[in-house]
């Protein structure tokens, strides 16, 4: 059988039963790969939808000092004289890791400044998807150092400087430390 593949008659002759038909192989292969690809895409989309629409976890209710697993409920028993009393049941003790301060409150969230100034932070916005040019100096003729994506937070170092019909600010990209100049039209004051 090993010599069958080297035989000239095998390749030029009629197909015998049990031998592989090489003309149909690519179609079957492509069809099976197409079906597997569709199944894979459907699976990935289903997993993404499951992750996106996962229900929020529900908080665990806190137990009161008189309730809890393994504790009997308090019961009323008649007491001589017609009054009702509570049966003696052990009172559980609550243990607290850290004392709660009645004066503690969440830290206030700083409000975003309303104007751009030295020392504040700004966010790249309103670029219409074009992002923002970071230049070596204030002006459109200076070298572009990099493109800053919309939503990037920058720190204001110097400015304002008017050049080429725009107001420019010297900024530092807090993510990589690069310093450059950008047009104020695409900057919005924000908190760090």
C-alpha atoms as a PDB file:
ATOM      1  CA  UNK A   1       0.000   0.000   0.000  1.00  0.00           C
ATOM      2  CA  UNK A   2       2.919   2.366   0.662  1.00  0.00           C
ATOM      3  CA  UNK A   3       3.912   2.097  -3.016  1.00  0.00           C
ATOM      4  CA  UNK A   4       0.365   2.907  -4.171  1.00  0.00           C
ATOM      5  CA  UNK A   5       0.988   6.632  -3.753  1.00  0.00           C
ATOM      6  CA  UNK A   6       4.149   6.466  -5.865  1.00  0.00           C
ATOM      7  CA  UNK A   7       2.412   4.575  -8.643  1.00  0.00           C
ATOM      8  CA  UNK A   8       1.575   6.626 -11.770  1.00  0.00           C
ATOM      9  CA  UNK A   9      -1.701   4.721 -12.283  1.00  0.00           C
ATOM     10  CA  UNK A  10      -2.928   5.781  -8.861  1.00  0.00           C
ATOM     11  CA  UNK A  11      -2.750   9.464  -9.675  1.00  0.00           C
ATOM     12  CA  UNK A  12      -4.064   9.198 -13.253  1.00  0.00           C
ATOM     13  CA  UNK A  13      -6.537   6.375 -12.848  1.00  0.00           C
ATOM     14  CA  UNK A  14     -10.047   6.098 -11.504  1.00  0.00           C
ATOM     15  CA  UNK A  15     -10.718   6.543  -7.840  1.00  0.00           C
ATOM     16  CA  UNK A  16     -10.836   3.311  -5.927  1.00  0.00           C
ATOM     17  CA  UNK A  17     -13.041   2.789  -2.947  1.00  0.00           C
ATOM     18  CA  UNK A  18     -11.271   3.593   0.329  1.00  0.00           C
ATOM     19  CA  UNK A  19      -8.865   6.067  -1.171  1.00  0.00           C
ATOM     20  CA  UNK A  20      -9.031   9.765  -0.445  1.00  0.00           C
ATOM     21  CA  UNK A  21     -10.561  12.027  -3.106  1.00  0.00           C
ATOM     22  CA  UNK A  22      -8.274  15.069  -3.152  1.00  0.00           C
ATOM     23  CA  UNK A  23     -10.636  17.177  -5.276  1.00  0.00           C
ATOM     24  CA  UNK A  24     -13.332  17.191  -2.566  1.00  0.00           C
ATOM     25  CA  UNK A  25     -11.001  17.731   0.352  1.00  0.00           C
ATOM     26  CA  UNK A  26     -10.672  21.527   0.103  1.00  0.00           C
ATOM     27  CA  UNK A  27     -14.455  22.055   0.008  1.00  0.00           C
ATOM     28  CA  UNK A  28     -15.038  19.858   3.028  1.00  0.00           C
ATOM     29  CA  UNK A  29     -12.161  21.475   4.846  1.00  0.00           C
ATOM     30  CA  UNK A  30     -13.384  25.003   4.092  1.00  0.00           C
ATOM     31  CA  UNK A  31     -16.953  24.133   5.041  1.00  0.00           C
ATOM     32  CA  UNK A  32     -15.894  22.641   8.374  1.00  0.00           C
ATOM     33  CA  UNK A  33     -13.628  25.625   9.146  1.00  0.00           C
ATOM     34  CA  UNK A  34     -16.482  28.010   8.272  1.00  0.00           C
ATOM     35  CA  UNK A  35     -18.885  26.202  10.606  1.00  0.00           C
ATOM     36  CA  UNK A  36     -16.306  26.156  13.404  1.00  0.00           C
ATOM     37  CA  UNK A  37     -15.646  29.880  12.897  1.00  0.00           C
ATOM     38  CA  UNK A  38     -19.350  30.705  13.133  1.00  0.00           C
ATOM     39  CA  UNK A  39     -19.692  28.620  16.298  1.00  0.00           C
ATOM     40  CA  UNK A  40     -16.644  30.361  17.798  1.00  0.00           C
ATOM     41  CA  UNK A  41     -17.991  33.837  17.009  1.00  0.00           C
ATOM     42  CA  UNK A  42     -21.395  32.980  18.475  1.00  0.00           C
ATOM     43  CA  UNK A  43     -19.716  31.654  21.617  1.00  0.00           C
ATOM     44  CA  UNK A  44     -17.589  34.776  22.071  1.00  0.00           C
ATOM     45  CA  UNK A  45     -20.611  37.044  21.557  1.00  0.00           C
ATOM     46  CA  UNK A  46     -22.642  34.986  24.038  1.00  0.00           C
ATOM     47  CA  UNK A  47     -19.884  35.210  26.658  1.00  0.00           C
ATOM     48  CA  UNK A  48     -19.588  38.963  26.134  1.00  0.00           C
ATOM     49  CA  UNK A  49     -23.333  39.405  26.550  1.00  0.00           C
ATOM     50  CA  UNK A  50     -23.333  37.273  29.695  1.00  0.00           C
ATOM     51  CA  UNK A  51     -20.546  39.364  31.189  1.00  0.00           C
ATOM     52  CA  UNK A  52     -22.275  42.593  30.186  1.00  0.00           C
ATOM     53  CA  UNK A  53     -25.678  41.711  31.585  1.00  0.00           C
ATOM     54  CA  UNK A  54     -24.518  39.866  34.703  1.00  0.00           C
ATOM     55  CA  UNK A  55     -26.867  40.671  37.611  1.00  0.00           C
ATOM     56  CA  UNK A  56     -25.461  42.826  40.387  1.00  0.00           C
ATOM     57  CA  UNK A  57     -24.630  40.970  43.597  1.00  0.00           C
ATOM     58  CA  UNK A  58     -27.217  41.375  46.332  1.00  0.00           C
ATOM     59  CA  UNK A  59     -25.997  42.581  49.710  1.00  0.00           C
ATOM     60  CA  UNK A  60     -26.136  40.160  52.621  1.00  0.00           C
ATOM     61  CA  UNK A  61     -28.557  41.348  55.294  1.00  0.00           C
ATOM     62  CA  UNK A  62     -27.021  42.103  58.670  1.00  0.00           C
ATOM     63  CA  UNK A  63     -28.155  40.049  61.630  1.00  0.00           C
ATOM     64  CA  UNK A  64     -29.530  41.774  64.682  1.00  0.00           C
ATOM     65  CA  UNK A  65     -27.974  40.959  68.103  1.00  0.00           C
ATOM     66  CA  UNK A  66     -30.923  38.721  69.007  1.00  0.00           C
ATOM     67  CA  UNK A  67     -30.960  36.744  65.749  1.00  0.00           C
ATOM     68  CA  UNK A  68     -28.488  34.461  64.228  1.00  0.00           C
ATOM     69  CA  UNK A  69     -27.818  30.952  63.129  1.00  0.00           C
ATOM     70  CA  UNK A  70     -28.143  28.482  65.963  1.00  0.00           C
ATOM     71  CA  UNK A  71     -29.837  30.930  68.382  1.00  0.00           C
ATOM     72  CA  UNK A  72     -33.364  30.152  69.547  1.00  0.00           C
ATOM     73  CA  UNK A  73     -35.953  32.897  69.014  1.00  0.00           C
ATOM     74  CA  UNK A  74     -37.006  34.740  72.151  1.00  0.00           C
ATOM     75  CA  UNK A  75     -40.317  33.444  73.475  1.00  0.00           C
ATOM     76  CA  UNK A  76     -42.961  34.848  75.775  1.00  0.00           C
ATOM     77  CA  UNK A  77     -44.021  32.784  78.786  1.00  0.00           C
ATOM     78  CA  UNK A  78     -46.828  33.457  81.235  1.00  0.00           C
ATOM     79  CA  UNK A  79     -45.651  34.685  84.647  1.00  0.00           C
ATOM     80  CA  UNK A  80     -47.715  34.402  87.835  1.00  0.00           C
ATOM     81  CA  UNK A  81     -49.868  37.506  88.294  1.00  0.00           C
ATOM     82  CA  UNK A  82     -51.106  37.617  84.690  1.00  0.00           C
ATOM     83  CA  UNK A  83     -48.076  39.384  83.252  1.00  0.00           C
ATOM     84  CA  UNK A  84     -46.056  38.128  80.335  1.00  0.00           C
ATOM     85  CA  UNK A  85     -42.322  37.804  80.642  1.00  0.00           C
ATOM     86  CA  UNK A  86     -39.533  36.858  78.309  1.00  0.00           C
ATOM     87  CA  UNK A  87     -37.844  33.538  78.845  1.00  0.00           C
ATOM     88  CA  UNK A  88     -34.189  33.695  79.727  1.00  0.00           C
ATOM     89  CA  UNK A  89     -32.213  33.012  76.598  1.00  0.00           C
ATOM     90  CA  UNK A  90     -28.535  33.722  76.243  1.00  0.00           C
ATOM     91  CA  UNK A  91     -27.867  37.107  74.675  1.00  0.00           C
ATOM     92  CA  UNK A  92     -25.251  36.931  71.960  1.00  0.00           C
ATOM     93  CA  UNK A  93     -22.424  39.421  72.115  1.00  0.00           C
ATOM     94  CA  UNK A  94     -21.500  41.409  69.022  1.00  0.00           C
ATOM     95  CA  UNK A  95     -17.767  41.681  68.388  1.00  0.00           C
ATOM     96  CA  UNK A  96     -16.579  44.607  66.342  1.00  0.00           C
ATOM     97  CA  UNK A  97     -13.112  44.673  64.780  1.00  0.00           C
ATOM     98  CA  UNK A  98     -12.699  48.446  64.693  1.00  0.00           C
ATOM     99  CA  UNK A  99     -14.731  50.973  66.626  1.00  0.00           C
ATOM    100  CA  UNK A 100     -17.057  53.040  64.465  1.00  0.00           C
ATOM    101  CA  UNK A 101     -16.681  56.748  64.926  1.00  0.00           C
ATOM    102  CA  UNK A 102     -19.960  58.667  64.889  1.00  0.00           C
ATOM    103  CA  UNK A 103     -18.117  61.637  63.382  1.00  0.00           C
ATOM    104  CA  UNK A 104     -16.591  59.783  60.430  1.00  0.00           C
ATOM    105  CA  UNK A 105     -17.970  60.736  57.041  1.00  0.00           C
ATOM    106  CA  UNK A 106     -16.855  60.037  53.500  1.00  0.00           C
ATOM    107  CA  UNK A 107     -14.174  62.343  52.150  1.00  0.00           C
ATOM    108  CA  UNK A 108     -15.636  65.132  50.019  1.00  0.00           C
ATOM    109  CA  UNK A 109     -15.136  64.801  46.284  1.00  0.00           C
ATOM    110  CA  UNK A 110     -13.277  67.840  44.969  1.00  0.00           C
ATOM    111  CA  UNK A 111     -15.184  69.857  42.410  1.00  0.00           C
ATOM    112  CA  UNK A 112     -13.648  70.317  38.971  1.00  0.00           C
ATOM    113  CA  UNK A 113     -12.295  73.817  38.375  1.00  0.00           C
ATOM    114  CA  UNK A 114     -14.219  75.984  35.926  1.00  0.00           C
ATOM    115  CA  UNK A 115     -11.205  77.562  34.171  1.00  0.00           C
ATOM    116  CA  UNK A 116      -7.840  76.305  32.945  1.00  0.00           C
ATOM    117  CA  UNK A 117      -4.885  77.520  35.010  1.00  0.00           C
ATOM    118  CA  UNK A 118      -1.363  76.525  35.980  1.00  0.00           C
ATOM    119  CA  UNK A 119      -1.266  73.580  38.379  1.00  0.00           C
ATOM    120  CA  UNK A 120      -4.727  72.184  37.584  1.00  0.00           C
ATOM    121  CA  UNK A 121      -5.604  69.125  35.536  1.00  0.00           C
ATOM    122  CA  UNK A 122      -7.389  69.101  32.184  1.00  0.00           C
ATOM    123  CA  UNK A 123      -8.955  66.359  30.100  1.00  0.00           C
ATOM    124  CA  UNK A 124      -8.753  66.130  26.296  1.00  0.00           C
ATOM    125  CA  UNK A 125     -12.293  66.540  24.940  1.00  0.00           C
ATOM    126  CA  UNK A 126     -14.355  67.685  21.944  1.00  0.00           C
ATOM    127  CA  UNK A 127     -11.804  66.513  19.356  1.00  0.00           C
ATOM    128  CA  UNK A 128     -14.464  64.771  17.296  1.00  0.00           C
ATOM    129  CA  UNK A 129     -12.433  61.558  17.319  1.00  0.00           C
ATOM    130  CA  UNK A 130      -9.323  63.232  15.871  1.00  0.00           C
ATOM    131  CA  UNK A 131      -7.471  63.301  19.223  1.00  0.00           C
ATOM    132  CA  UNK A 132      -5.070  66.140  20.142  1.00  0.00           C
ATOM    133  CA  UNK A 133      -1.647  67.144  18.779  1.00  0.00           C
ATOM    134  CA  UNK A 134       1.021  67.571  21.445  1.00  0.00           C
ATOM    135  CA  UNK A 135       3.596  70.034  20.032  1.00  0.00           C
ATOM    136  CA  UNK A 136       7.143  71.032  21.013  1.00  0.00           C
ATOM    137  CA  UNK A 137       6.108  74.688  21.486  1.00  0.00           C
ATOM    138  CA  UNK A 138       3.038  76.944  21.166  1.00  0.00           C
ATOM    139  CA  UNK A 139       2.192  77.061  17.455  1.00  0.00           C
ATOM    140  CA  UNK A 140       1.074  74.865  14.579  1.00  0.00           C
ATOM    141  CA  UNK A 141       4.508  75.021  12.886  1.00  0.00           C
ATOM    142  CA  UNK A 142       6.332  73.284  15.749  1.00  0.00           C
ATOM    143  CA  UNK A 143       7.061  69.542  15.699  1.00  0.00           C
ATOM    144  CA  UNK A 144       4.300  67.206  16.829  1.00  0.00           C
ATOM    145  CA  UNK A 145       5.614  65.180  19.760  1.00  0.00           C
ATOM    146  CA  UNK A 146       2.699  62.761  19.879  1.00  0.00           C
ATOM    147  CA  UNK A 147      -1.068  62.427  19.533  1.00  0.00           C
ATOM    148  CA  UNK A 148      -3.007  62.461  22.813  1.00  0.00           C
ATOM    149  CA  UNK A 149      -6.232  60.426  22.896  1.00  0.00           C
ATOM    150  CA  UNK A 150      -9.561  61.935  23.881  1.00  0.00           C
ATOM    151  CA  UNK A 151     -10.212  61.510  27.609  1.00  0.00           C
ATOM    152  CA  UNK A 152      -6.505  61.656  28.569  1.00  0.00           C
ATOM    153  CA  UNK A 153      -5.794  63.639  31.766  1.00  0.00           C
ATOM    154  CA  UNK A 154      -2.977  66.220  31.567  1.00  0.00           C
ATOM    155  CA  UNK A 155      -1.414  68.620  34.095  1.00  0.00           C
ATOM    156  CA  UNK A 156      -1.114  72.320  33.181  1.00  0.00           C
ATOM    157  CA  UNK A 157       2.482  73.595  33.555  1.00  0.00           C
ATOM    158  CA  UNK A 158       2.479  76.989  31.786  1.00  0.00           C
ATOM    159  CA  UNK A 159       0.426  79.317  29.634  1.00  0.00           C
ATOM    160  CA  UNK A 160      -1.671  80.700  28.187  1.00  0.00           C
ATOM    161  CA  UNK A 161       0.223  81.711  25.039  1.00  0.00           C
ATOM    162  CA  UNK A 162      -1.507  83.041  21.920  1.00  0.00           C
ATOM    163  CA  UNK A 163      -0.062  81.811  18.615  1.00  0.00           C
ATOM    164  CA  UNK A 164      -1.451  81.073  15.125  1.00  0.00           C
ATOM    165  CA  UNK A 165      -4.952  82.192  16.191  1.00  0.00           C
ATOM    166  CA  UNK A 166      -5.154  79.743  19.109  1.00  0.00           C
ATOM    167  CA  UNK A 167      -4.612  79.841  22.874  1.00  0.00           C
ATOM    168  CA  UNK A 168      -1.972  77.278  23.893  1.00  0.00           C
ATOM    169  CA  UNK A 169      -1.120  75.655  27.248  1.00  0.00           C
ATOM    170  CA  UNK A 170       2.013  73.749  28.199  1.00  0.00           C
ATOM    171  CA  UNK A 171       0.927  70.370  29.550  1.00  0.00           C
ATOM    172  CA  UNK A 172       2.387  67.182  30.992  1.00  0.00           C
ATOM    173  CA  UNK A 173       0.861  63.808  30.169  1.00  0.00           C
ATOM    174  CA  UNK A 174       0.529  62.195  33.613  1.00  0.00           C
ATOM    175  CA  UNK A 175       0.645  58.691  32.112  1.00  0.00           C
ATOM    176  CA  UNK A 176       4.128  58.953  30.567  1.00  0.00           C
ATOM    177  CA  UNK A 177       5.564  62.332  31.698  1.00  0.00           C
ATOM    178  CA  UNK A 178       5.856  63.813  28.174  1.00  0.00           C
ATOM    179  CA  UNK A 179       5.635  67.630  28.184  1.00  0.00           C
ATOM    180  CA  UNK A 180       4.183  69.535  25.219  1.00  0.00           C
ATOM    181  CA  UNK A 181       1.865  72.327  24.096  1.00  0.00           C
ATOM    182  CA  UNK A 182      -1.791  71.932  23.063  1.00  0.00           C
ATOM    183  CA  UNK A 183      -4.678  74.151  21.951  1.00  0.00           C
ATOM    184  CA  UNK A 184      -7.075  75.206  24.741  1.00  0.00           C
ATOM    185  CA  UNK A 185     -10.150  74.583  22.538  1.00  0.00           C
ATOM    186  CA  UNK A 186      -9.803  70.842  23.179  1.00  0.00           C
ATOM    187  CA  UNK A 187      -9.130  70.975  26.925  1.00  0.00           C
ATOM    188  CA  UNK A 188     -11.642  70.760  29.759  1.00  0.00           C
ATOM    189  CA  UNK A 189     -10.778  71.378  33.456  1.00  0.00           C
ATOM    190  CA  UNK A 190     -11.089  68.239  35.570  1.00  0.00           C
ATOM    191  CA  UNK A 191      -9.930  66.646  38.807  1.00  0.00           C
ATOM    192  CA  UNK A 192      -6.879  64.328  38.816  1.00  0.00           C
END
